[in-house]
Amino acid sequence: MKRSILIGLVVLALALASPLIAADDAVANAQAGTRAWLGLVDGGKYGGSWDEAAAMFKAAISRPDWEKAAGNVRSQLGALKARTQKSATFTKTLPGGPDGEYVVTQFDAQFENKASAVETVTAVHEKDGSWRVAGYFIR
């Protein structure tokens, strides 16, 4: 009797922990893709960042428009001096977006011409299993 209760508690604990482990894995995988993508943007490779972005990002803005917009904003900000992650949150819903798996990461950033900025990068888990950037905002 005690053994079956113990086994039941272990199974329950594993069942409750499983979504947390999955979310932690999602955040780690998304962050790797996010940092690689930010490296392209930081390096001025805006076309390359569009190529590596999620399908929903590409549907929202054309490659030439992204290259122009990103180039304009980043040239005003100047070179990146520092970036520190503030938060990373796994979610299955986003305002105005379809349900899916997302990781929203915020960074405190310092640029040559802007001492304090917040970058928000949203990664989406795509059908091929990859995590790709679906949104990027600086304020």
C-alpha atoms as a PDB file:
ATOM      1  CA  MET A   1       0.000   0.000   0.000  1.00  0.00           C
ATOM      2  CA  LYS A   2       2.705   2.496   1.016  1.00  0.00           C
ATOM      3  CA  ARG A   3       4.749   1.544  -2.028  1.00  0.00           C
ATOM      4  CA  SER A   4       1.836   2.203  -4.415  1.00  0.00           C
ATOM      5  CA  ILE A   5       1.224   5.593  -2.789  1.00  0.00           C
ATOM      6  CA  LEU A   6       4.922   6.436  -3.142  1.00  0.00           C
ATOM      7  CA  ILE A   7       4.907   5.400  -6.808  1.00  0.00           C
ATOM      8  CA  GLY A   8       1.761   7.460  -7.352  1.00  0.00           C
ATOM      9  CA  LEU A   9       3.425  10.517  -5.799  1.00  0.00           C
ATOM     10  CA  VAL A  10       6.529  10.071  -7.953  1.00  0.00           C
ATOM     11  CA  VAL A  11       4.397   9.796 -11.104  1.00  0.00           C
ATOM     12  CA  LEU A  12       2.415  12.886 -10.075  1.00  0.00           C
ATOM     13  CA  ALA A  13       5.608  14.848  -9.374  1.00  0.00           C
ATOM     14  CA  LEU A  14       7.024  13.892 -12.774  1.00  0.00           C
ATOM     15  CA  ALA A  15       3.781  14.840 -14.505  1.00  0.00           C
ATOM     16  CA  LEU A  16       3.766  18.232 -12.820  1.00  0.00           C
ATOM     17  CA  ALA A  17       7.453  18.855 -13.511  1.00  0.00           C
ATOM     18  CA  SER A  18       7.294  17.837 -17.180  1.00  0.00           C
ATOM     19  CA  PRO A  19       5.736  21.102 -18.456  1.00  0.00           C
ATOM     20  CA  LEU A  20       8.300  23.090 -16.451  1.00  0.00           C
ATOM     21  CA  ILE A  21      11.171  21.106 -17.945  1.00  0.00           C
ATOM     22  CA  ALA A  22       9.678  21.552 -21.430  1.00  0.00           C
ATOM     23  CA  ALA A  23       9.377  25.315 -20.898  1.00  0.00           C
ATOM     24  CA  ASP A  24      12.976  25.504 -19.626  1.00  0.00           C
ATOM     25  CA  ASP A  25      14.186  23.587 -22.698  1.00  0.00           C
ATOM     26  CA  ALA A  26      12.152  25.868 -24.948  1.00  0.00           C
ATOM     27  CA  VAL A  27      13.655  28.968 -23.362  1.00  0.00           C
ATOM     28  CA  ALA A  28      17.208  27.612 -23.693  1.00  0.00           C
ATOM     29  CA  ASN A  29      16.710  26.601 -27.335  1.00  0.00           C
ATOM     30  CA  ALA A  30      14.992  29.856 -28.230  1.00  0.00           C
ATOM     31  CA  GLN A  31      17.731  31.908 -26.583  1.00  0.00           C
ATOM     32  CA  ALA A  32      20.411  30.226 -28.671  1.00  0.00           C
ATOM     33  CA  GLY A  33      18.550  31.181 -31.849  1.00  0.00           C
ATOM     34  CA  THR A  34      17.808  34.661 -30.545  1.00  0.00           C
ATOM     35  CA  ARG A  35      21.448  35.398 -29.719  1.00  0.00           C
ATOM     36  CA  ALA A  36      22.635  34.130 -33.112  1.00  0.00           C
ATOM     37  CA  TRP A  37      20.040  36.311 -34.837  1.00  0.00           C
ATOM     38  CA  LEU A  38      21.010  39.356 -32.778  1.00  0.00           C
ATOM     39  CA  GLY A  39      24.615  38.733 -33.796  1.00  0.00           C
ATOM     40  CA  LEU A  40      23.581  39.163 -37.432  1.00  0.00           C
ATOM     41  CA  VAL A  41      21.755  42.407 -36.652  1.00  0.00           C
ATOM     42  CA  ASP A  42      24.645  43.698 -34.522  1.00  0.00           C
ATOM     43  CA  GLY A  43      26.995  42.952 -37.401  1.00  0.00           C
ATOM     44  CA  GLY A  44      24.879  44.934 -39.859  1.00  0.00           C
ATOM     45  CA  LYS A  45      23.841  41.761 -41.694  1.00  0.00           C
ATOM     46  CA  TYR A  46      20.198  42.798 -41.921  1.00  0.00           C
ATOM     47  CA  GLY A  47      19.450  40.742 -45.035  1.00  0.00           C
ATOM     48  CA  GLY A  48      20.946  37.700 -43.348  1.00  0.00           C
ATOM     49  CA  SER A  49      18.848  38.326 -40.251  1.00  0.00           C
ATOM     50  CA  TRP A  50      15.722  38.435 -42.435  1.00  0.00           C
ATOM     51  CA  ASP A  51      16.787  35.160 -44.082  1.00  0.00           C
ATOM     52  CA  GLU A  52      17.103  33.531 -40.652  1.00  0.00           C
ATOM     53  CA  ALA A  53      13.856  34.976 -39.258  1.00  0.00           C
ATOM     54  CA  ALA A  54      10.568  33.135 -38.747  1.00  0.00           C
ATOM     55  CA  ALA A  55       7.982  32.817 -41.491  1.00  0.00           C
ATOM     56  CA  MET A  56       5.655  35.213 -39.634  1.00  0.00           C
ATOM     57  CA  PHE A  57       8.442  37.839 -39.537  1.00  0.00           C
ATOM     58  CA  LYS A  58       8.989  37.459 -43.280  1.00  0.00           C
ATOM     59  CA  ALA A  59       5.237  37.697 -43.900  1.00  0.00           C
ATOM     60  CA  ALA A  60       5.103  40.981 -41.987  1.00  0.00           C
ATOM     61  CA  ILE A  61       7.978  42.769 -43.740  1.00  0.00           C
ATOM     62  CA  SER A  62       9.835  42.287 -47.004  1.00  0.00           C
ATOM     63  CA  ARG A  63      13.585  41.758 -47.019  1.00  0.00           C
ATOM     64  CA  PRO A  64      14.326  45.177 -48.605  1.00  0.00           C
ATOM     65  CA  ASP A  65      11.989  46.957 -46.173  1.00  0.00           C
ATOM     66  CA  TRP A  66      13.588  45.165 -43.205  1.00  0.00           C
ATOM     67  CA  GLU A  67      17.095  45.990 -44.414  1.00  0.00           C
ATOM     68  CA  LYS A  68      16.150  49.651 -44.742  1.00  0.00           C
ATOM     69  CA  ALA A  69      14.269  49.906 -41.421  1.00  0.00           C
ATOM     70  CA  ALA A  70      16.853  47.994 -39.388  1.00  0.00           C
ATOM     71  CA  GLY A  71      19.699  49.912 -41.001  1.00  0.00           C
ATOM     72  CA  ASN A  72      18.067  53.257 -40.243  1.00  0.00           C
ATOM     73  CA  VAL A  73      17.339  52.433 -36.604  1.00  0.00           C
ATOM     74  CA  ARG A  74      20.664  50.815 -35.863  1.00  0.00           C
ATOM     75  CA  SER A  75      22.655  53.591 -37.565  1.00  0.00           C
ATOM     76  CA  GLN A  76      20.922  56.122 -35.292  1.00  0.00           C
ATOM     77  CA  LEU A  77      21.688  54.026 -32.209  1.00  0.00           C
ATOM     78  CA  GLY A  78      25.317  53.421 -33.118  1.00  0.00           C
ATOM     79  CA  ALA A  79      27.319  50.361 -32.203  1.00  0.00           C
ATOM     80  CA  LEU A  80      26.158  48.011 -29.463  1.00  0.00           C
ATOM     81  CA  LYS A  81      28.220  48.534 -26.317  1.00  0.00           C
ATOM     82  CA  ALA A  82      26.539  46.073 -23.946  1.00  0.00           C
ATOM     83  CA  ARG A  83      23.546  43.760 -23.731  1.00  0.00           C
ATOM     84  CA  THR A  84      22.265  42.022 -20.605  1.00  0.00           C
ATOM     85  CA  GLN A  85      19.312  39.673 -20.513  1.00  0.00           C
ATOM     86  CA  LYS A  86      16.520  40.867 -18.228  1.00  0.00           C
ATOM     87  CA  SER A  87      13.988  38.095 -18.735  1.00  0.00           C
ATOM     88  CA  ALA A  88      12.904  35.215 -20.919  1.00  0.00           C
ATOM     89  CA  THR A  89       9.323  34.006 -20.782  1.00  0.00           C
ATOM     90  CA  PHE A  90       7.733  30.990 -22.439  1.00  0.00           C
ATOM     91  CA  THR A  91       4.136  31.469 -23.567  1.00  0.00           C
ATOM     92  CA  LYS A  92       1.641  29.821 -25.883  1.00  0.00           C
ATOM     93  CA  THR A  93      -0.251  33.008 -26.714  1.00  0.00           C
ATOM     94  CA  LEU A  94       0.684  36.484 -27.875  1.00  0.00           C
ATOM     95  CA  PRO A  95      -1.612  39.459 -28.432  1.00  0.00           C
ATOM     96  CA  GLY A  96      -2.529  39.564 -32.117  1.00  0.00           C
ATOM     97  CA  GLY A  97      -0.657  36.365 -32.937  1.00  0.00           C
ATOM     98  CA  PRO A  98      -1.738  32.782 -33.474  1.00  0.00           C
ATOM     99  CA  ASP A  99      -1.430  30.303 -30.635  1.00  0.00           C
ATOM    100  CA  GLY A 100       1.910  28.533 -30.662  1.00  0.00           C
ATOM    101  CA  GLU A 101       5.080  28.277 -28.623  1.00  0.00           C
ATOM    102  CA  TYR A 102       6.910  31.541 -28.063  1.00  0.00           C
ATOM    103  CA  VAL A 103       9.763  32.804 -25.953  1.00  0.00           C
ATOM    104  CA  VAL A 104       9.809  36.539 -25.320  1.00  0.00           C
ATOM    105  CA  THR A 105      13.233  37.746 -24.227  1.00  0.00           C
ATOM    106  CA  GLN A 106      14.033  41.231 -23.002  1.00  0.00           C
ATOM    107  CA  PHE A 107      17.497  42.714 -22.858  1.00  0.00           C
ATOM    108  CA  ASP A 108      18.862  45.879 -21.316  1.00  0.00           C
ATOM    109  CA  ALA A 109      21.097  47.317 -24.018  1.00  0.00           C
ATOM    110  CA  GLN A 110      23.535  50.182 -24.331  1.00  0.00           C
ATOM    111  CA  PHE A 111      24.403  51.642 -27.692  1.00  0.00           C
ATOM    112  CA  GLU A 112      26.932  54.235 -28.718  1.00  0.00           C
ATOM    113  CA  ASN A 113      24.200  56.897 -29.093  1.00  0.00           C
ATOM    114  CA  LYS A 114      21.642  55.563 -26.590  1.00  0.00           C
ATOM    115  CA  ALA A 115      22.809  54.777 -23.088  1.00  0.00           C
ATOM    116  CA  SER A 116      19.708  52.853 -22.039  1.00  0.00           C
ATOM    117  CA  ALA A 117      17.416  50.816 -24.252  1.00  0.00           C
ATOM    118  CA  VAL A 118      15.239  47.741 -23.907  1.00  0.00           C
ATOM    119  CA  GLU A 119      15.272  45.202 -26.713  1.00  0.00           C
ATOM    120  CA  THR A 120      12.397  42.750 -26.923  1.00  0.00           C
ATOM    121  CA  VAL A 121      12.922  39.707 -29.105  1.00  0.00           C
ATOM    122  CA  THR A 122      10.160  37.183 -29.686  1.00  0.00           C
ATOM    123  CA  ALA A 123      11.123  33.733 -30.930  1.00  0.00           C
ATOM    124  CA  VAL A 124       8.605  31.217 -32.251  1.00  0.00           C
ATOM    125  CA  HIS A 125       8.896  27.440 -32.426  1.00  0.00           C
ATOM    126  CA  GLU A 126       8.384  26.680 -36.096  1.00  0.00           C
ATOM    127  CA  LYS A 127       6.984  23.533 -37.706  1.00  0.00           C
ATOM    128  CA  ASP A 128      10.479  22.298 -38.614  1.00  0.00           C
ATOM    129  CA  GLY A 129      11.391  22.291 -34.907  1.00  0.00           C
ATOM    130  CA  SER A 130      13.630  25.353 -35.056  1.00  0.00           C
ATOM    131  CA  TRP A 131      13.293  28.500 -32.960  1.00  0.00           C
ATOM    132  CA  ARG A 132      13.356  31.633 -35.095  1.00  0.00           C
ATOM    133  CA  VAL A 133      12.878  35.316 -34.385  1.00  0.00           C
ATOM    134  CA  ALA A 134       9.342  36.506 -35.119  1.00  0.00           C
ATOM    135  CA  GLY A 135       9.604  40.008 -33.666  1.00  0.00           C
ATOM    136  CA  TYR A 136      12.192  42.589 -32.647  1.00  0.00           C
ATOM    137  CA  PHE A 137      11.539  45.909 -30.924  1.00  0.00           C
ATOM    138  CA  ILE A 138      13.790  48.522 -29.344  1.00  0.00           C
ATOM    139  CA  ARG A 139      12.564  51.239 -27.013  1.00  0.00           C
END
